[in-house]
C-alpha cells in the first residue's frame, strides 16, 4: 500500500460520508433557519418550537433519502470488500 493509495482511499471514504449525510443535514439546516426566522418575527423564544420540527424533518428526510443513502454506503463497502484481496498484497 502506497501513500497515494491510502490518501485516495481516505478521500473516497470522506466523499461517501459527506454525500450520505448531506441531504439530512441540509434539510435540518433549512428547517432550522425557517424556524429561527419565525421566532424572530413573532418573538417567541421557546426551545420546543425549534426542537420538534427539526426532529420531524430529520426523520422524514431519513425516510425519503434512506434508500439512496443505504445504496451509496453498500456500494462503497462492496467496492472495498471486492478489492481487499488486491490491496492486501
N, C-alpha and C. Protein backbone atom coordinates (compact mmCIF):
# COMPACT_ATOMS: atom_id res chain seq x y z
N UNK A 1 0.83 -1.17 0.00
CA UNK A 1 0.00 0.00 0.00
C UNK A 1 0.88 1.24 0.00
N UNK A 2 0.62 2.07 -0.98
CA UNK A 2 1.40 3.30 -1.07
C UNK A 2 0.67 4.43 -0.36
N UNK A 3 1.40 5.50 -0.19
CA UNK A 3 0.82 6.67 0.45
C UNK A 3 -0.30 7.27 -0.41
N UNK A 4 -0.11 7.25 -1.73
CA UNK A 4 -1.14 7.76 -2.63
C UNK A 4 -2.42 6.94 -2.55
N UNK A 5 -2.27 5.62 -2.42
CA UNK A 5 -3.45 4.77 -2.30
C UNK A 5 -4.23 5.08 -1.02
N UNK A 6 -3.51 5.22 0.08
CA UNK A 6 -4.17 5.49 1.36
C UNK A 6 -4.88 6.84 1.33
N UNK A 7 -4.23 7.85 0.75
CA UNK A 7 -4.86 9.16 0.64
C UNK A 7 -6.09 9.08 -0.26
N UNK A 8 -6.00 8.35 -1.38
CA UNK A 8 -7.14 8.19 -2.27
C UNK A 8 -8.29 7.44 -1.62
N UNK A 9 -7.96 6.41 -0.87
CA UNK A 9 -8.99 5.64 -0.18
C UNK A 9 -9.68 6.48 0.89
N UNK A 10 -8.90 7.23 1.65
CA UNK A 10 -9.47 8.11 2.68
C UNK A 10 -10.34 9.18 2.04
N UNK A 11 -9.91 9.71 0.92
CA UNK A 11 -10.71 10.71 0.22
C UNK A 11 -12.03 10.12 -0.25
N UNK A 12 -11.98 8.92 -0.79
CA UNK A 12 -13.20 8.26 -1.25
C UNK A 12 -14.16 8.00 -0.08
N UNK A 13 -13.62 7.59 1.04
CA UNK A 13 -14.45 7.34 2.22
C UNK A 13 -15.08 8.64 2.72
N UNK A 14 -14.31 9.72 2.75
CA UNK A 14 -14.84 11.00 3.20
C UNK A 14 -15.90 11.54 2.23
N UNK A 15 -15.67 11.37 0.93
CA UNK A 15 -16.66 11.80 -0.05
C UNK A 15 -17.96 11.04 0.11
N UNK A 16 -17.87 9.75 0.34
CA UNK A 16 -19.06 8.94 0.54
C UNK A 16 -19.80 9.38 1.80
N UNK A 17 -19.04 9.63 2.87
CA UNK A 17 -19.66 10.07 4.11
C UNK A 17 -20.37 11.41 3.94
N UNK A 18 -19.74 12.34 3.25
CA UNK A 18 -20.35 13.65 3.03
C UNK A 18 -21.59 13.55 2.14
N UNK A 19 -21.53 12.73 1.10
CA UNK A 19 -22.67 12.58 0.20
C UNK A 19 -23.85 11.94 0.92
N UNK A 20 -23.57 11.01 1.81
CA UNK A 20 -24.64 10.32 2.53
C UNK A 20 -25.28 11.24 3.58
N UNK A 21 -24.47 12.04 4.26
CA UNK A 21 -25.01 12.88 5.32
C UNK A 21 -25.57 14.21 4.82
N UNK A 22 -25.22 14.62 3.62
CA UNK A 22 -25.61 15.94 3.12
C UNK A 22 -27.12 16.17 3.05
N UNK A 23 -27.93 15.26 2.52
CA UNK A 23 -29.37 15.55 2.44
C UNK A 23 -30.02 15.79 3.80
N UNK A 24 -29.69 14.98 4.77
CA UNK A 24 -30.29 15.13 6.11
C UNK A 24 -29.83 16.43 6.76
N UNK A 25 -28.55 16.75 6.62
CA UNK A 25 -28.04 17.98 7.21
C UNK A 25 -28.63 19.21 6.55
N UNK A 26 -28.80 19.17 5.22
CA UNK A 26 -29.39 20.32 4.53
C UNK A 26 -30.84 20.53 4.93
N UNK A 27 -31.60 19.46 5.04
CA UNK A 27 -33.00 19.58 5.46
C UNK A 27 -33.06 20.15 6.87
N UNK A 28 -32.23 19.67 7.76
CA UNK A 28 -32.21 20.17 9.13
C UNK A 28 -31.80 21.64 9.16
N UNK A 29 -30.84 22.03 8.34
CA UNK A 29 -30.41 23.42 8.28
C UNK A 29 -31.52 24.34 7.78
N UNK A 30 -32.19 23.94 6.71
CA UNK A 30 -33.26 24.76 6.15
C UNK A 30 -34.40 24.91 7.15
N UNK A 31 -34.80 23.81 7.77
CA UNK A 31 -35.87 23.88 8.77
C UNK A 31 -35.44 24.74 9.95
N UNK A 32 -34.21 24.64 10.38
CA UNK A 32 -33.71 25.46 11.48
C UNK A 32 -33.74 26.95 11.15
N UNK A 33 -33.35 27.29 9.92
CA UNK A 33 -33.38 28.69 9.52
C UNK A 33 -34.81 29.21 9.45
N UNK A 34 -35.72 28.41 8.90
CA UNK A 34 -37.13 28.82 8.82
C UNK A 34 -37.71 29.03 10.21
N UNK A 35 -37.44 28.09 11.12
CA UNK A 35 -37.95 28.23 12.49
C UNK A 35 -37.32 29.44 13.18
N UNK A 36 -36.04 29.67 12.94
CA UNK A 36 -35.37 30.83 13.52
C UNK A 36 -35.98 32.13 13.02
N UNK A 37 -36.27 32.21 11.74
CA UNK A 37 -36.93 33.40 11.19
C UNK A 37 -38.32 33.58 11.80
N UNK A 38 -39.04 32.48 11.94
CA UNK A 38 -40.37 32.53 12.55
C UNK A 38 -40.28 33.05 13.98
N UNK A 39 -39.30 32.57 14.73
CA UNK A 39 -39.14 33.02 16.11
C UNK A 39 -38.73 34.49 16.18
N UNK A 40 -37.93 34.92 15.23
CA UNK A 40 -37.53 36.33 15.22
C UNK A 40 -38.71 37.24 14.92
N UNK A 41 -39.55 36.81 13.98
CA UNK A 41 -40.69 37.64 13.61
C UNK A 41 -41.72 37.68 14.73
N UNK A 42 -42.00 36.56 15.34
CA UNK A 42 -43.04 36.50 16.38
C UNK A 42 -42.50 36.76 17.77
N UNK A 43 -41.19 36.80 17.93
CA UNK A 43 -40.52 37.00 19.22
C UNK A 43 -40.89 35.93 20.24
N UNK A 44 -41.13 34.73 19.74
CA UNK A 44 -41.37 33.58 20.63
C UNK A 44 -40.04 32.86 20.81
N UNK A 45 -39.58 32.69 22.02
CA UNK A 45 -38.29 32.06 22.28
C UNK A 45 -38.47 30.80 23.12
N UNK A 46 -39.11 29.82 22.55
CA UNK A 46 -39.32 28.57 23.27
C UNK A 46 -38.53 27.47 22.57
N UNK A 47 -37.85 26.63 23.34
CA UNK A 47 -36.97 25.61 22.78
C UNK A 47 -37.72 24.52 22.03
N UNK A 48 -38.92 24.16 22.46
CA UNK A 48 -39.64 23.09 21.79
C UNK A 48 -40.06 23.48 20.38
N UNK A 49 -40.20 24.78 20.13
CA UNK A 49 -40.55 25.22 18.78
C UNK A 49 -39.43 24.90 17.80
N UNK A 50 -38.19 24.94 18.24
CA UNK A 50 -37.08 24.61 17.35
C UNK A 50 -36.81 23.11 17.31
N UNK A 51 -36.98 22.45 18.42
CA UNK A 51 -36.58 21.04 18.53
C UNK A 51 -37.52 20.10 17.78
N UNK A 52 -38.80 20.21 18.00
CA UNK A 52 -39.76 19.25 17.44
C UNK A 52 -39.81 19.29 15.91
N UNK A 53 -39.93 20.46 15.27
CA UNK A 53 -39.96 20.45 13.79
C UNK A 53 -38.67 19.93 13.16
N UNK A 54 -37.52 20.23 13.79
CA UNK A 54 -36.26 19.74 13.23
C UNK A 54 -36.17 18.22 13.35
N UNK A 55 -36.64 17.66 14.45
CA UNK A 55 -36.64 16.20 14.60
C UNK A 55 -37.57 15.56 13.57
N UNK A 56 -38.75 16.12 13.40
CA UNK A 56 -39.69 15.57 12.42
C UNK A 56 -39.12 15.67 11.02
N UNK A 57 -38.54 16.81 10.68
CA UNK A 57 -37.95 16.98 9.34
C UNK A 57 -36.78 16.03 9.13
N UNK A 58 -35.98 15.80 10.16
CA UNK A 58 -34.86 14.87 10.04
C UNK A 58 -35.34 13.45 9.81
N UNK A 59 -36.35 13.01 10.55
CA UNK A 59 -36.88 11.67 10.35
C UNK A 59 -37.52 11.53 8.97
N UNK A 60 -38.23 12.55 8.52
CA UNK A 60 -38.84 12.49 7.19
C UNK A 60 -37.77 12.43 6.10
N UNK A 61 -36.70 13.19 6.28
CA UNK A 61 -35.63 13.15 5.28
C UNK A 61 -34.92 11.79 5.29
N UNK A 62 -34.82 11.17 6.46
CA UNK A 62 -34.24 9.82 6.51
C UNK A 62 -35.14 8.82 5.79
N UNK A 63 -36.45 9.00 5.90
CA UNK A 63 -37.37 8.11 5.19
C UNK A 63 -37.26 8.32 3.69
N UNK A 64 -37.20 9.59 3.28
CA UNK A 64 -37.15 9.90 1.84
C UNK A 64 -35.81 9.49 1.22
N UNK A 65 -34.71 9.83 1.88
CA UNK A 65 -33.38 9.59 1.32
C UNK A 65 -32.73 8.31 1.82
N UNK A 66 -33.40 7.57 2.67
CA UNK A 66 -32.80 6.39 3.29
C UNK A 66 -32.35 5.33 2.31
N UNK A 67 -33.18 5.04 1.33
CA UNK A 67 -32.81 4.00 0.35
C UNK A 67 -31.58 4.43 -0.45
N UNK A 68 -31.53 5.69 -0.84
CA UNK A 68 -30.38 6.19 -1.59
C UNK A 68 -29.12 6.16 -0.73
N UNK A 69 -29.27 6.53 0.54
CA UNK A 69 -28.12 6.53 1.45
C UNK A 69 -27.57 5.12 1.65
N UNK A 70 -28.46 4.17 1.84
CA UNK A 70 -28.03 2.78 2.02
C UNK A 70 -27.37 2.25 0.75
N UNK A 71 -27.91 2.63 -0.41
CA UNK A 71 -27.33 2.21 -1.68
C UNK A 71 -25.91 2.73 -1.84
N UNK A 72 -25.69 3.99 -1.49
CA UNK A 72 -24.35 4.57 -1.59
C UNK A 72 -23.38 3.89 -0.62
N UNK A 73 -23.81 3.65 0.60
CA UNK A 73 -22.93 3.03 1.59
C UNK A 73 -22.62 1.59 1.24
N UNK A 74 -23.62 0.83 0.79
CA UNK A 74 -23.35 -0.56 0.42
C UNK A 74 -22.51 -0.64 -0.84
N UNK A 75 -22.67 0.31 -1.75
CA UNK A 75 -21.82 0.33 -2.94
C UNK A 75 -20.37 0.57 -2.58
N UNK A 76 -20.14 1.49 -1.68
CA UNK A 76 -18.77 1.75 -1.23
C UNK A 76 -18.19 0.54 -0.51
N UNK A 77 -18.99 -0.06 0.37
CA UNK A 77 -18.49 -1.22 1.11
C UNK A 77 -18.26 -2.42 0.19
N UNK A 78 -19.13 -2.58 -0.80
CA UNK A 78 -18.94 -3.66 -1.76
C UNK A 78 -17.62 -3.48 -2.52
N UNK A 79 -17.33 -2.25 -2.92
CA UNK A 79 -16.07 -1.97 -3.61
C UNK A 79 -14.88 -2.27 -2.72
N UNK A 80 -14.98 -1.91 -1.46
CA UNK A 80 -13.88 -2.17 -0.52
C UNK A 80 -13.67 -3.67 -0.36
N UNK A 81 -14.75 -4.41 -0.14
CA UNK A 81 -14.61 -5.85 0.10
C UNK A 81 -14.15 -6.60 -1.15
N UNK A 82 -14.59 -6.16 -2.34
CA UNK A 82 -14.15 -6.82 -3.57
C UNK A 82 -12.68 -6.56 -3.88
N UNK A 83 -12.19 -5.40 -3.53
CA UNK A 83 -10.81 -5.05 -3.83
C UNK A 83 -9.83 -5.33 -2.70
N UNK A 84 -10.33 -5.78 -1.56
CA UNK A 84 -9.47 -6.03 -0.42
C UNK A 84 -8.36 -7.05 -0.70
N UNK A 85 -8.64 -8.14 -1.40
CA UNK A 85 -7.53 -9.07 -1.68
C UNK A 85 -6.43 -8.45 -2.54
N UNK A 86 -6.78 -7.55 -3.44
CA UNK A 86 -5.77 -6.89 -4.27
C UNK A 86 -4.97 -5.86 -3.50
N UNK A 87 -5.62 -5.21 -2.54
CA UNK A 87 -4.94 -4.19 -1.76
C UNK A 87 -4.03 -4.81 -0.70
N UNK A 88 -4.33 -6.02 -0.27
CA UNK A 88 -3.56 -6.66 0.79
C UNK A 88 -2.20 -7.13 0.32
N UNK A 89 -2.00 -7.21 -0.97
CA UNK A 89 -0.70 -7.69 -1.47
C UNK A 89 0.39 -6.71 -1.25
